[in-house]
Amino acid sequence: MSWIRINRSVGLIAAMAAWMAPSGQGQEKPKVAIVCRVLDDIASNGVSGARITLQPREGGDQIVAFTSESGACSFPKDVQPGQYVMSVDKAGYFPIAESKAIAFSAEAPKTDLGDIVLSAKRSIQGVVRWSNGDPADGVIAHVLVLRAGRAVLRPGDSILAMTNDRGEFRLENLRPATYLLYAYTLGFRREGIGRTSLPVFYPDLPAPNLQGGIDLRKMKEASGLTLTLKDAEGVSVSGVVTASQKQPEGSTIFVGLMIPENAAQPFLGTKAEVGKSFRLQNVPPGNYLLLIVSTEANNRSVLPITVGATPIEHLRVPFVDAQDLDCALEYEAGADEKTAPAKALTSARVSGTSDALQLFGTIGGRVSPEGRVHMQLLVPGYRYTLHVQPPEGAYVTRVLQGGAELEEIPPQISAEDGPVRVVLGRNGGVLSGVLSNRDGKPTSGFVVLAPVNPAKRDWVKTATTGSTGQFEITAIAPGKYRLFALRENDNDAYLDAKYLEQFSSREIVVTANVRQMAEIRLPPE
């Protein structure tokens, strides 16, 4: 995670001091001199050549400055007072783009933005081999993120890497986190069936193991890693996929096997036609999902099967068409256009995930100016966890499906239960304060505001403080919370209520449209 350590409340940089330009005719408008320093998140060294851009909130020319060898930066010309949106970028690092404006006052002769920390892009490289020593070329290497004690697939965290003819791979553009590396053969391949293997997780385990985590939070690259695949052995599975309304007889499909709740795509598969027989060879005993994907239409179907020591013959698999689902976002009654502009809804993010289907259970879509989202390819019979990232300044108050309110946050939805409606609030509370060490001095750390009701885990909010200890959390849904002070974010472990139980906290009651102050201290080491 990238963060900014400056003398401000988190989320809004309030840079103000005391200086007034002398009065008189012909006097130039007061301006603000701005300085800062850009640091590397691993070594805390200065980053040279980083570009810092200030874009006036109301439009106008950008103001650009570059850091020196030491990472220090001073803008070449003074800045007119006003509100600006800041961005920082440098090759090899993840850019920072502040979503909220920085307010520069005409009363400050000099404003120090403090230390801006850039996260270097991480990488993992290694080799995949077969158990006989042959290089495993054309197989997939990928990673899961360790989050709250679980290995989590987050599409977009990294791009799948395919091994070369020497079995080598390199995963790039990884963010600071702990990763679990795995490899698998690609079952859906147009060139036909090759060697197959069940997925293997580093270091050569059949399932994710937290002890095999690769910690890239303070390390830029992990290299020299090896994964070993074993040729799959087992029985054959054969049958016929029957037609559906959207999938007519004779249409081309891929038929493959994947492991439930396993992030790997189908490790074994074949190309077939609806209405004609298919055969999968060397299927090891186990529980699988038979995944059928259309090559000609946006459609898929899933059937759970169990494979034992006896071949499965003459299996009839009805193709059950995937369904679409509409989701509508709206502000609660009483929100006017000024405080809750409809156009802001397009900045919301809506997605869903199925634990069982993993990559093939990822849904989502763009939010229209009217707040509508059209999600596709939901598999009937499976539950999806709905995730909503509201527009700036808003929070989720209620989620309904088919007219019934869903109590758990994040909610569980399905293709069969009707349209989804998400109601957003704009009158959230604000909590600001200072984090101190045992001696009562302001310090850097990690602040967690967690709802008392663990069912509302999506309401958890966090803030990373700088050396001043200042933090600010906005758009908080009204309710009862507990405020925790931690030294750092330990792979998002704060999302696990049991993890937080080991730390002391103070109860906070958040009220709509009310700003509160709080002081909190770090626990003893």
Foldseek 3Di string as FASTA:
>chain_A
DWDFAFPDAPQEAEWDDAADDDDDPPDDQQFEKEKEFEAEQQPRFTDFFKKKWWAAPVGDDIFIWTAHPRRIIIGPDTHHFHWTWMKIDDPQWDIDTRPGIYGDDSRHHYTYSYYGYTYGKAKEKEFEEAPVGQGDFFKKKDKFFQALNDGHDDPPQWDIWTAHNNRITMIIRHTQGKIKMKIFADADDPVWDDFGFQIAIPPGHNADDPVRIDGRNNPRYHYHHYHYTYGAAAAKEKAAEAADPVAHFFFKKKKAKDFFLGQDDGRHIGIDTHPDMDMTGRDAFDKIWTKIAGPPDHWIAIDIDTDDRDYHPHDYHYRDTWAKAKEAEDEDPPDDCVLPPLQLLQVKWKWKAFSGVNPQRIWGATQDSRRMTMITRFYAPTKIFMDMGGGPQKDWDWKDFLRHTADFVSGIDGRPGHYMYTYIYRQWEKEKEFEAEPVRAGAWFKKWKAAPPLSNLSQIDMDTHHGRRIYMDGNHDFHKTWMFTGRYCRNNSVSPVVVCVVTDTDMDGIDGNYYYYDYYYYDDD
